[in-house]
Amino acid sequence: MTEALWTKIATLADIPDDEGLEVQIGQVELALFRVGEKVYCVENSCPHRGASLAEGRVQEGEVICPWHGWRFSLENGACSSLPSSEPVACFQARIENEDVLVQIPHQKQ
């Protein structure tokens, strides 16, 4: 059984506007993005060749893979450049008093 826990993984000041921040939580590698007053969290690996999405550019609500230009929605992970491509996993993120919390599923023992 899994349950999702909210985990503090950064502060708002850690994330440059319209850029990514790579964060490791246990075995999960995440990419955080700040767009205005909103924060998004996706898995940090492009399904094409494994590039770090945290190193990509943010444009029009999408992160652009730094290696081959594949575009992924920050809202739902869908790839808009190749419709048949596998999406990236998205995680819910929220801001509480300048802290960035992400909901990450944990295995319940």
PDB file of N, CA and C in Angstrom:
ATOM      1  N   MET A   1       0.845  -1.182   0.000  1.00  0.00           N
ATOM      2  CA  MET A   1       0.000   0.000   0.000  1.00  0.00           C
ATOM      3  C   MET A   1       0.891   1.246   0.000  1.00  0.00           C
ATOM      4  N   THR A   2       0.497   2.248  -0.770  1.00  0.00           N
ATOM      5  CA  THR A   2       1.267   3.486  -0.797  1.00  0.00           C
ATOM      6  C   THR A   2       0.417   4.632  -0.269  1.00  0.00           C
ATOM      7  N   GLU A   3       1.097   5.593   0.308  1.00  0.00           N
ATOM      8  CA  GLU A   3       0.421   6.828   0.696  1.00  0.00           C
ATOM      9  C   GLU A   3       1.337   7.969   0.297  1.00  0.00           C
ATOM     10  N   ALA A   4       0.735   9.078  -0.044  1.00  0.00           N
ATOM     11  CA  ALA A   4       1.520  10.228  -0.489  1.00  0.00           C
ATOM     12  C   ALA A   4       1.737  11.168   0.685  1.00  0.00           C
ATOM     13  N   LEU A   5       2.978  11.536   0.886  1.00  0.00           N
ATOM     14  CA  LEU A   5       3.334  12.443   1.968  1.00  0.00           C
ATOM     15  C   LEU A   5       3.882  13.739   1.384  1.00  0.00           C
ATOM     16  N   TRP A   6       3.547  14.855   2.011  1.00  0.00           N
ATOM     17  CA  TRP A   6       4.108  16.140   1.602  1.00  0.00           C
ATOM     18  C   TRP A   6       5.480  16.278   2.238  1.00  0.00           C
ATOM     19  N   THR A   7       6.492  16.533   1.420  1.00  0.00           N
ATOM     20  CA  THR A   7       7.871  16.621   1.875  1.00  0.00           C
ATOM     21  C   THR A   7       8.468  17.952   1.456  1.00  0.00           C
ATOM     22  N   LYS A   8       9.088  18.656   2.402  1.00  0.00           N
ATOM     23  CA  LYS A   8       9.787  19.901   2.062  1.00  0.00           C
ATOM     24  C   LYS A   8      11.064  19.529   1.314  1.00  0.00           C
ATOM     25  N   ILE A   9      11.236  20.108   0.113  1.00  0.00           N
ATOM     26  CA  ILE A   9      12.419  19.765  -0.670  1.00  0.00           C
ATOM     27  C   ILE A   9      13.250  20.979  -1.075  1.00  0.00           C
ATOM     28  N   ALA A  10      12.744  22.164  -0.852  1.00  0.00           N
ATOM     29  CA  ALA A  10      13.494  23.375  -1.212  1.00  0.00           C
ATOM     30  C   ALA A  10      12.781  24.578  -0.616  1.00  0.00           C
ATOM     31  N   THR A  11      13.387  25.736  -0.801  1.00  0.00           N
ATOM     32  CA  THR A  11      12.695  26.984  -0.516  1.00  0.00           C
ATOM     33  C   THR A  11      12.446  27.675  -1.853  1.00  0.00           C
ATOM     34  N   LEU A  12      11.517  28.571  -1.880  1.00  0.00           N
ATOM     35  CA  LEU A  12      11.194  29.288  -3.110  1.00  0.00           C
ATOM     36  C   LEU A  12      12.414  30.017  -3.661  1.00  0.00           C
ATOM     37  N   ALA A  13      13.237  30.557  -2.785  1.00  0.00           N
ATOM     38  CA  ALA A  13      14.435  31.294  -3.213  1.00  0.00           C
ATOM     39  C   ALA A  13      15.476  30.384  -3.872  1.00  0.00           C
ATOM     40  N   ASP A  14      15.408  29.074  -3.621  1.00  0.00           N
ATOM     41  CA  ASP A  14      16.351  28.126  -4.228  1.00  0.00           C
ATOM     42  C   ASP A  14      16.113  27.939  -5.723  1.00  0.00           C
ATOM     43  N   ILE A  15      14.907  28.236  -6.182  1.00  0.00           N
ATOM     44  CA  ILE A  15      14.524  27.933  -7.563  1.00  0.00           C
ATOM     45  C   ILE A  15      14.516  29.214  -8.386  1.00  0.00           C
ATOM     46  N   PRO A  16      15.425  29.333  -9.363  1.00  0.00           N
ATOM     47  CA  PRO A  16      15.415  30.529 -10.216  1.00  0.00           C
ATOM     48  C   PRO A  16      14.132  30.577 -11.052  1.00  0.00           C
ATOM     49  N   ASP A  17      13.622  31.768 -11.296  1.00  0.00           N
ATOM     50  CA  ASP A  17      12.408  31.921 -12.100  1.00  0.00           C
ATOM     51  C   ASP A  17      12.653  31.422 -13.519  1.00  0.00           C
ATOM     52  N   ASP A  18      11.735  30.606 -14.024  1.00  0.00           N
ATOM     53  CA  ASP A  18      11.778  30.034 -15.375  1.00  0.00           C
ATOM     54  C   ASP A  18      12.983  29.132 -15.618  1.00  0.00           C
ATOM     55  N   GLU A  19      13.568  28.598 -14.544  1.00  0.00           N
ATOM     56  CA  GLU A  19      14.668  27.657 -14.656  1.00  0.00           C
ATOM     57  C   GLU A  19      14.408  26.486 -13.718  1.00  0.00           C
ATOM     58  N   GLY A  20      15.227  25.440 -13.837  1.00  0.00           N
ATOM     59  CA  GLY A  20      15.024  24.250 -13.037  1.00  0.00           C
ATOM     60  C   GLY A  20      16.008  24.100 -11.900  1.00  0.00           C
ATOM     61  N   LEU A  21      15.633  23.257 -10.941  1.00  0.00           N
ATOM     62  CA  LEU A  21      16.488  22.891  -9.825  1.00  0.00           C
ATOM     63  C   LEU A  21      16.376  21.382  -9.656  1.00  0.00           C
ATOM     64  N   GLU A  22      17.510  20.704  -9.666  1.00  0.00           N
ATOM     65  CA  GLU A  22      17.532  19.250  -9.469  1.00  0.00           C
ATOM     66  C   GLU A  22      17.534  18.943  -7.982  1.00  0.00           C
ATOM     67  N   VAL A  23      16.659  18.008  -7.573  1.00  0.00           N
ATOM     68  CA  VAL A  23      16.540  17.630  -6.166  1.00  0.00           C
ATOM     69  C   VAL A  23      16.452  16.107  -6.083  1.00  0.00           C
ATOM     70  N   GLN A  24      17.188  15.521  -5.155  1.00  0.00           N
ATOM     71  CA  GLN A  24      17.167  14.082  -4.933  1.00  0.00           C
ATOM     72  C   GLN A  24      16.444  13.797  -3.629  1.00  0.00           C
ATOM     73  N   ILE A  25      15.396  12.971  -3.670  1.00  0.00           N
ATOM     74  CA  ILE A  25      14.672  12.545  -2.479  1.00  0.00           C
ATOM     75  C   ILE A  25      14.723  11.020  -2.460  1.00  0.00           C
ATOM     76  N   GLY A  26      15.552  10.466  -1.609  1.00  0.00           N
ATOM     77  CA  GLY A  26      15.742   9.010  -1.599  1.00  0.00           C
ATOM     78  C   GLY A  26      16.238   8.550  -2.951  1.00  0.00           C
ATOM     79  N   GLN A  27      15.506   7.653  -3.587  1.00  0.00           N
ATOM     80  CA  GLN A  27      15.866   7.142  -4.909  1.00  0.00           C
ATOM     81  C   GLN A  27      15.216   7.944  -6.044  1.00  0.00           C
ATOM     82  N   VAL A  28      14.429   8.957  -5.697  1.00  0.00           N
ATOM     83  CA  VAL A  28      13.683   9.726  -6.696  1.00  0.00           C
ATOM     84  C   VAL A  28      14.438  11.010  -7.037  1.00  0.00           C
ATOM     85  N   GLU A  29      14.726  11.205  -8.326  1.00  0.00           N
ATOM     86  CA  GLU A  29      15.380  12.427  -8.789  1.00  0.00           C
ATOM     87  C   GLU A  29      14.316  13.312  -9.435  1.00  0.00           C
ATOM     88  N   LEU A  30      14.175  14.529  -8.914  1.00  0.00           N
ATOM     89  CA  LEU A  30      13.124  15.444  -9.343  1.00  0.00           C
ATOM     90  C   LEU A  30      13.701  16.707  -9.959  1.00  0.00           C
ATOM     91  N   ALA A  31      12.882  17.360 -10.775  1.00  0.00           N
ATOM     92  CA  ALA A  31      13.210  18.675 -11.321  1.00  0.00           C
ATOM     93  C   ALA A  31      12.108  19.634 -10.886  1.00  0.00           C
ATOM     94  N   LEU A  32      12.491  20.697 -10.191  1.00  0.00           N
ATOM     95  CA  LEU A  32      11.553  21.734  -9.762  1.00  0.00           C
ATOM     96  C   LEU A  32      11.672  22.929 -10.695  1.00  0.00           C
ATOM     97  N   PHE A  33      10.539  23.529 -11.005  1.00  0.00           N
ATOM     98  CA  PHE A  33      10.519  24.708 -11.864  1.00  0.00           C
ATOM     99  C   PHE A  33       9.627  25.756 -11.230  1.00  0.00           C
ATOM    100  N   ARG A  34      10.082  26.997 -11.282  1.00  0.00           N
ATOM    101  CA  ARG A  34       9.303  28.126 -10.765  1.00  0.00           C
ATOM    102  C   ARG A  34       8.894  28.980 -11.953  1.00  0.00           C
ATOM    103  N   VAL A  35       7.598  29.159 -12.095  1.00  0.00           N
ATOM    104  CA  VAL A  35       7.058  30.009 -13.154  1.00  0.00           C
ATOM    105  C   VAL A  35       6.169  31.037 -12.465  1.00  0.00           C
ATOM    106  N   GLY A  36       6.695  32.245 -12.310  1.00  0.00           N
ATOM    107  CA  GLY A  36       5.972  33.270 -11.563  1.00  0.00           C
ATOM    108  C   GLY A  36       5.840  32.850 -10.116  1.00  0.00           C
ATOM    109  N   GLU A  37       4.629  32.761  -9.628  1.00  0.00           N
ATOM    110  CA  GLU A  37       4.380  32.375  -8.241  1.00  0.00           C
ATOM    111  C   GLU A  37       3.994  30.908  -8.106  1.00  0.00           C
ATOM    112  N   LYS A  38       4.145  30.134  -9.167  1.00  0.00           N
ATOM    113  CA  LYS A  38       3.769  28.725  -9.142  1.00  0.00           C
ATOM    114  C   LYS A  38       5.016  27.851  -9.273  1.00  0.00           C
ATOM    115  N   VAL A  39       4.996  26.690  -8.595  1.00  0.00           N
ATOM    116  CA  VAL A  39       6.093  25.737  -8.660  1.00  0.00           C
ATOM    117  C   VAL A  39       5.566  24.421  -9.219  1.00  0.00           C
ATOM    118  N   TYR A  40       6.360  23.832 -10.107  1.00  0.00           N
ATOM    119  CA  TYR A  40       6.016  22.554 -10.726  1.00  0.00           C
ATOM    120  C   TYR A  40       7.114  21.551 -10.417  1.00  0.00           C
ATOM    121  N   CYS A  41       6.741  20.279 -10.373  1.00  0.00           N
ATOM    122  CA  CYS A  41       7.704  19.223 -10.097  1.00  0.00           C
ATOM    123  C   CYS A  41       7.461  18.060 -11.047  1.00  0.00           C
ATOM    124  N   VAL A  42       8.516  17.644 -11.747  1.00  0.00           N
ATOM    125  CA  VAL A  42       8.445  16.497 -12.650  1.00  0.00           C
ATOM    126  C   VAL A  42       9.655  15.604 -12.385  1.00  0.00           C
ATOM    127  N   GLU A  43       9.575  14.359 -12.877  1.00  0.00           N
ATOM    128  CA  GLU A  43      10.760  13.511 -12.774  1.00  0.00           C
ATOM    129  C   GLU A  43      11.864  14.154 -13.598  1.00  0.00           C
ATOM    130  N   ASN A  44      13.099  13.937 -13.198  1.00  0.00           N
ATOM    131  CA  ASN A  44      14.212  14.674 -13.792  1.00  0.00           C
ATOM    132  C   ASN A  44      14.855  13.973 -14.979  1.00  0.00           C
ATOM    133  N   SER A  45      14.240  12.971 -15.529  1.00  0.00           N
ATOM    134  CA  SER A  45      14.855  12.219 -16.617  1.00  0.00           C
ATOM    135  C   SER A  45      13.969  12.226 -17.857  1.00  0.00           C
ATOM    136  N   CYS A  46      14.494  12.724 -18.958  1.00  0.00           N
ATOM    137  CA  CYS A  46      13.762  12.686 -20.224  1.00  0.00           C
ATOM    138  C   CYS A  46      13.638  11.224 -20.661  1.00  0.00           C
ATOM    139  N   PRO A  47      12.444  10.778 -21.042  1.00  0.00           N
ATOM    140  CA  PRO A  47      12.277   9.371 -21.432  1.00  0.00           C
ATOM    141  C   PRO A  47      13.009   9.005 -22.730  1.00  0.00           C
ATOM    142  N   HIS A  48      13.449   9.985 -23.480  1.00  0.00           N
ATOM    143  CA  HIS A  48      14.137   9.713 -24.741  1.00  0.00           C
ATOM    144  C   HIS A  48      15.542   9.163 -24.506  1.00  0.00           C
ATOM    145  N   ARG A  49      16.400   9.930 -23.830  1.00  0.00           N
ATOM    146  CA  ARG A  49      17.785   9.514 -23.608  1.00  0.00           C
ATOM    147  C   ARG A  49      18.284   9.804 -22.192  1.00  0.00           C
ATOM    148  N   GLY A  50      17.365  10.161 -21.292  1.00  0.00           N
ATOM    149  CA  GLY A  50      17.742  10.342 -19.898  1.00  0.00           C
ATOM    150  C   GLY A  50      18.358  11.668 -19.521  1.00  0.00           C
ATOM    151  N   ALA A  51      18.237  12.677 -20.362  1.00  0.00           N
ATOM    152  CA  ALA A  51      18.794  13.998 -20.045  1.00  0.00           C
ATOM    153  C   ALA A  51      18.126  14.574 -18.799  1.00  0.00           C
ATOM    154  N   SER A  52      18.871  15.391 -18.068  1.00  0.00           N
ATOM    155  CA  SER A  52      18.344  16.069 -16.892  1.00  0.00           C
ATOM    156  C   SER A  52      17.408  17.193 -17.336  1.00  0.00           C
ATOM    157  N   LEU A  53      16.124  17.046 -17.040  1.00  0.00           N
ATOM    158  CA  LEU A  53      15.167  18.088 -17.412  1.00  0.00           C
ATOM    159  C   LEU A  53      15.371  19.362 -16.596  1.00  0.00           C
ATOM    160  N   ALA A  54      15.987  19.251 -15.412  1.00  0.00           N
ATOM    161  CA  ALA A  54      16.265  20.437 -14.606  1.00  0.00           C
ATOM    162  C   ALA A  54      17.206  21.390 -15.336  1.00  0.00           C
ATOM    163  N   GLU A  55      17.961  20.880 -16.291  1.00  0.00           N
ATOM    164  CA  GLU A  55      18.872  21.711 -17.083  1.00  0.00           C
ATOM    165  C   GLU A  55      18.190  22.301 -18.321  1.00  0.00           C
ATOM    166  N   GLY A  56      16.923  21.971 -18.521  1.00  0.00           N
ATOM    167  CA  GLY A  56      16.193  22.463 -19.687  1.00  0.00           C
ATOM    168  C   GLY A  56      15.661  23.871 -19.498  1.00  0.00           C
ATOM    169  N   ARG A  57      15.189  24.452 -20.602  1.00  0.00           N
ATOM    170  CA  ARG A  57      14.578  25.779 -20.577  1.00  0.00           C
ATOM    171  C   ARG A  57      13.075  25.642 -20.376  1.00  0.00           C
ATOM    172  N   VAL A  58      12.479  26.631 -19.724  1.00  0.00           N
ATOM    173  CA  VAL A  58      11.035  26.683 -19.560  1.00  0.00           C
ATOM    174  C   VAL A  58      10.486  27.698 -20.549  1.00  0.00           C
ATOM    175  N   GLN A  59       9.473  27.266 -21.305  1.00  0.00           N
ATOM    176  CA  GLN A  59       8.857  28.144 -22.292  1.00  0.00           C
ATOM    177  C   GLN A  59       7.400  27.738 -22.459  1.00  0.00           C
ATOM    178  N   GLU A  60       6.511  28.697 -22.324  1.00  0.00           N
ATOM    179  CA  GLU A  60       5.083  28.495 -22.542  1.00  0.00           C
ATOM    180  C   GLU A  60       4.522  27.292 -21.786  1.00  0.00           C
ATOM    181  N   GLY A  61       4.884  27.170 -20.510  1.00  0.00           N
ATOM    182  CA  GLY A  61       4.341  26.109 -19.672  1.00  0.00           C
ATOM    183  C   GLY A  61       4.946  24.737 -19.895  1.00  0.00           C
ATOM    184  N   GLU A  62       6.058  24.684 -20.615  1.00  0.00           N
ATOM    185  CA  GLU A  62       6.719  23.412 -20.881  1.00  0.00           C
ATOM    186  C   GLU A  62       8.199  23.519 -20.557  1.00  0.00           C
ATOM    187  N   VAL A  63       8.795  22.369 -20.235  1.00  0.00           N
ATOM    188  CA  VAL A  63      10.249  22.303 -20.096  1.00  0.00           C
ATOM    189  C   VAL A  63      10.769  21.658 -21.379  1.00  0.00           C
ATOM    190  N   ILE A  64      11.844  22.227 -21.908  1.00  0.00           N
ATOM    191  CA  ILE A  64      12.431  21.746 -23.150  1.00  0.00           C
ATOM    192  C   ILE A  64      13.701  20.979 -22.812  1.00  0.00           C
ATOM    193  N   CYS A  65      13.757  19.713 -23.212  1.00  0.00           N
ATOM    194  CA  CYS A  65      14.909  18.860 -22.942  1.00  0.00           C
ATOM    195  C   CYS A  65      16.163  19.497 -23.535  1.00  0.00           C
ATOM    196  N   PRO A  66      17.241  19.587 -22.735  1.00  0.00           N
ATOM    197  CA  PRO A  66      18.457  20.252 -23.215  1.00  0.00           C
ATOM    198  C   PRO A  66      19.217  19.465 -24.286  1.00  0.00           C
ATOM    199  N   TRP A  67      18.954  18.188 -24.439  1.00  0.00           N
ATOM    200  CA  TRP A  67      19.696  17.390 -25.414  1.00  0.00           C
ATOM    201  C   TRP A  67      19.065  17.383 -26.801  1.00  0.00           C
ATOM    202  N   HIS A  68      17.768  17.116 -26.888  1.00  0.00           N
ATOM    203  CA  HIS A  68      17.150  16.956 -28.203  1.00  0.00           C
ATOM    204  C   HIS A  68      15.894  17.799 -28.424  1.00  0.00           C
ATOM    205  N   GLY A  69      15.573  18.670 -27.470  1.00  0.00           N
ATOM    206  CA  GLY A  69      14.478  19.613 -27.667  1.00  0.00           C
ATOM    207  C   GLY A  69      13.074  19.077 -27.462  1.00  0.00           C
ATOM    208  N   TRP A  70      12.935  17.880 -26.912  1.00  0.00           N
ATOM    209  CA  TRP A  70      11.583  17.388 -26.633  1.00  0.00           C
ATOM    210  C   TRP A  70      10.956  18.289 -25.579  1.00  0.00           C
ATOM    211  N   ARG A  71       9.652  18.544 -25.717  1.00  0.00           N
ATOM    212  CA  ARG A  71       8.931  19.468 -24.846  1.00  0.00           C
ATOM    213  C   ARG A  71       7.925  18.707 -23.987  1.00  0.00           C
ATOM    214  N   PHE A  72       7.936  18.989 -22.684  1.00  0.00           N
ATOM    215  CA  PHE A  72       7.034  18.323 -21.747  1.00  0.00           C
ATOM    216  C   PHE A  72       6.251  19.354 -20.945  1.00  0.00           C
ATOM    217  N   SER A  73       4.936  19.134 -20.840  1.00  0.00           N
ATOM    218  CA  SER A  73       4.067  20.013 -20.075  1.00  0.00           C
ATOM    219  C   SER A  73       4.429  19.957 -18.598  1.00  0.00           C
ATOM    220  N   LEU A  74       4.538  21.119 -17.965  1.00  0.00           N
ATOM    221  CA  LEU A  74       4.780  21.166 -16.536  1.00  0.00           C
ATOM    222  C   LEU A  74       3.524  20.810 -15.744  1.00  0.00           C
ATOM    223  N   GLU A  75       2.363  20.926 -16.377  1.00  0.00           N
ATOM    224  CA  GLU A  75       1.085  20.611 -15.722  1.00  0.00           C
ATOM    225  C   GLU A  75       0.828  19.115 -15.643  1.00  0.00           C
ATOM    226  N   ASN A  76       1.067  18.393 -16.758  1.00  0.00           N
ATOM    227  CA  ASN A  76       0.687  16.978 -16.788  1.00  0.00           C
ATOM    228  C   ASN A  76       1.756  16.030 -17.335  1.00  0.00           C
ATOM    229  N   GLY A  77       2.917  16.546 -17.726  1.00  0.00           N
ATOM    230  CA  GLY A  77       4.015  15.706 -18.188  1.00  0.00           C
ATOM    231  C   GLY A  77       3.943  15.252 -19.627  1.00  0.00           C
ATOM    232  N   ALA A  78       2.858  15.594 -20.324  1.00  0.00           N
ATOM    233  CA  ALA A  78       2.690  15.144 -21.708  1.00  0.00           C
ATOM    234  C   ALA A  78       3.747  15.754 -22.621  1.00  0.00           C
ATOM    235  N   CYS A  79       4.184  14.965 -23.591  1.00  0.00           N
ATOM    236  CA  CYS A  79       5.180  15.428 -24.557  1.00  0.00           C
ATOM    237  C   CYS A  79       4.441  16.010 -25.761  1.00  0.00           C
ATOM    238  N   SER A  80       4.652  17.291 -26.030  1.00  0.00           N
ATOM    239  CA  SER A  80       3.946  17.940 -27.138  1.00  0.00           C
ATOM    240  C   SER A  80       4.723  17.863 -28.444  1.00  0.00           C
ATOM    241  N   SER A  81       6.014  17.552 -28.388  1.00  0.00           N
ATOM    242  CA  SER A  81       6.797  17.514 -29.620  1.00  0.00           C
ATOM    243  C   SER A  81       6.654  16.174 -30.338  1.00  0.00           C
ATOM    244  N   LEU A  82       6.367  15.124 -29.607  1.00  0.00           N
ATOM    245  CA  LEU A  82       6.142  13.799 -30.193  1.00  0.00           C
ATOM    246  C   LEU A  82       4.942  13.182 -29.482  1.00  0.00           C
ATOM    247  N   PRO A  83       3.749  13.308 -30.035  1.00  0.00           N
ATOM    248  CA  PRO A  83       2.538  12.878 -29.331  1.00  0.00           C
ATOM    249  C   PRO A  83       2.553  11.423 -28.862  1.00  0.00           C
ATOM    250  N   SER A  84       3.306  10.548 -29.520  1.00  0.00           N
ATOM    251  CA  SER A  84       3.316   9.157 -29.094  1.00  0.00           C
ATOM    252  C   SER A  84       4.347   8.888 -27.997  1.00  0.00           C
ATOM    253  N   SER A  85       5.110   9.911 -27.618  1.00  0.00           N
ATOM    254  CA  SER A  85       6.156   9.742 -26.618  1.00  0.00           C
ATOM    255  C   SER A  85       5.573   9.534 -25.227  1.00  0.00           C
ATOM    256  N   GLU A  86       6.319   8.839 -24.428  1.00  0.00           N
ATOM    257  CA  GLU A  86       5.968   8.607 -23.035  1.00  0.00           C
ATOM    258  C   GLU A  86       6.043   9.918 -22.253  1.00  0.00           C
ATOM    259  N   PRO A  87       5.048  10.230 -21.414  1.00  0.00           N
ATOM    260  CA  PRO A  87       5.111  11.457 -20.613  1.00  0.00           C
ATOM    261  C   PRO A  87       6.098  11.291 -19.462  1.00  0.00           C
ATOM    262  N   VAL A  88       6.463  12.400 -18.849  1.00  0.00           N
ATOM    263  CA  VAL A  88       7.247  12.337 -17.625  1.00  0.00           C
ATOM    264  C   VAL A  88       6.277  12.389 -16.448  1.00  0.00           C
ATOM    265  N   ALA A  89       6.664  11.759 -15.353  1.00  0.00           N
ATOM    266  CA  ALA A  89       5.821  11.767 -14.157  1.00  0.00           C
ATOM    267  C   ALA A  89       5.802  13.161 -13.548  1.00  0.00           C
ATOM    268  N   CYS A  90       4.638  13.568 -13.085  1.00  0.00           N
ATOM    269  CA  CYS A  90       4.468  14.853 -12.407  1.00  0.00           C
ATOM    270  C   CYS A  90       4.116  14.595 -10.943  1.00  0.00           C
ATOM    271  N   PHE A  91       4.534  15.501 -10.093  1.00  0.00           N
ATOM    272  CA  PHE A  91       4.253  15.417  -8.669  1.00  0.00           C
ATOM    273  C   PHE A  91       3.624  16.730  -8.235  1.00  0.00           C
ATOM    274  N   GLN A  92       2.628  16.657  -7.358  1.00  0.00           N
ATOM    275  CA  GLN A  92       1.990  17.872  -6.869  1.00  0.00           C
ATOM    276  C   GLN A  92       2.983  18.657  -6.023  1.00  0.00           C
ATOM    277  N   ALA A  93       2.997  19.964  -6.220  1.00  0.00           N
ATOM    278  CA  ALA A  93       3.877  20.845  -5.454  1.00  0.00           C
ATOM    279  C   ALA A  93       3.061  22.008  -4.920  1.00  0.00           C
ATOM    280  N   ARG A  94       3.472  22.498  -3.771  1.00  0.00           N
ATOM    281  CA  ARG A  94       2.818  23.674  -3.204  1.00  0.00           C
ATOM    282  C   ARG A  94       3.838  24.485  -2.428  1.00  0.00           C
ATOM    283  N   ILE A  95       3.470  25.724  -2.172  1.00  0.00           N
ATOM    284  CA  ILE A  95       4.335  26.643  -1.437  1.00  0.00           C
ATOM    285  C   ILE A  95       3.655  26.958  -0.108  1.00  0.00           C
ATOM    286  N   GLU A  96       4.414  26.812   0.970  1.00  0.00           N
ATOM    287  CA  GLU A  96       3.936  27.181   2.310  1.00  0.00           C
ATOM    288  C   GLU A  96       4.996  28.043   2.963  1.00  0.00           C
ATOM    289  N   ASN A  97       4.702  29.315   3.167  1.00  0.00           N
ATOM    290  CA  ASN A  97       5.638  30.236   3.810  1.00  0.00           C
ATOM    291  C   ASN A  97       7.020  30.210   3.158  1.00  0.00           C
ATOM    292  N   GLU A  98       7.139  30.241   1.888  1.00  0.00           N
ATOM    293  CA  GLU A  98       8.417  30.209   1.165  1.00  0.00           C
ATOM    294  C   GLU A  98       9.062  28.823   1.077  1.00  0.00           C
ATOM    295  N   ASP A  99       8.490  27.809   1.732  1.00  0.00           N
ATOM    296  CA  ASP A  99       8.973  26.437   1.594  1.00  0.00           C
ATOM    297  C   ASP A  99       8.246  25.760   0.441  1.00  0.00           C
ATOM    298  N   VAL A 100       8.968  24.940  -0.320  1.00  0.00           N
ATOM    299  CA  VAL A 100       8.373  24.177  -1.415  1.00  0.00           C
ATOM    300  C   VAL A 100       8.195  22.745  -0.938  1.00  0.00           C
ATOM    301  N   LEU A 101       6.955  22.288  -0.961  1.00  0.00           N
ATOM    302  CA  LEU A 101       6.622  20.929  -0.560  1.00  0.00           C
ATOM    303  C   LEU A 101       6.134  20.169  -1.784  1.00  0.00           C
ATOM    304  N   VAL A 102       6.519  18.897  -1.860  1.00  0.00           N
ATOM    305  CA  VAL A 102       6.107  18.050  -2.978  1.00  0.00           C
ATOM    306  C   VAL A 102       5.473  16.797  -2.392  1.00  0.00           C
ATOM    307  N   GLN A 103       4.405  16.341  -3.042  1.00  0.00           N
ATOM    308  CA  GLN A 103       3.726  15.129  -2.586  1.00  0.00           C
ATOM    309  C   GLN A 103       4.371  13.940  -3.303  1.00  0.00           C
ATOM    310  N   ILE A 104       5.075  13.133  -2.526  1.00  0.00           N
ATOM    311  CA  ILE A 104       5.816  11.996  -3.066  1.00  0.00           C
ATOM    312  C   ILE A 104       5.245  10.715  -2.464  1.00  0.00           C
ATOM    313  N   PRO A 105       4.893   9.746  -3.313  1.00  0.00           N
ATOM    314  CA  PRO A 105       4.381   8.474  -2.778  1.00  0.00           C
ATOM    315  C   PRO A 105       5.480   7.719  -2.021  1.00  0.00           C
ATOM    316  N   HIS A 106       5.145   7.195  -0.872  1.00  0.00           N
ATOM    317  CA  HIS A 106       6.083   6.397  -0.080  1.00  0.00           C
ATOM    318  C   HIS A 106       5.432   5.038   0.158  1.00  0.00           C
ATOM    319  N   GLN A 107       6.230   4.016   0.166  1.00  0.00           N
ATOM    320  CA  GLN A 107       5.726   2.683   0.482  1.00  0.00           C
ATOM    321  C   GLN A 107       5.443   2.609   1.975  1.00  0.00           C
ATOM    322  N   LYS A 108       4.259   2.141   2.332  1.00  0.00           N
ATOM    323  CA  LYS A 108       3.907   1.982   3.724  1.00  0.00           C
ATOM    324  C   LYS A 108       4.340   0.580   4.163  1.00  0.00           C
ATOM    325  N   GLN A 109       5.031   0.506   5.264  1.00  0.00           N
ATOM    326  CA  GLN A 109       5.561  -0.780   5.734  1.00  0.00           C
ATOM    327  C   GLN A 109       4.578  -1.460   6.661  1.00  0.00           C
TER     328      GLN A 109
END
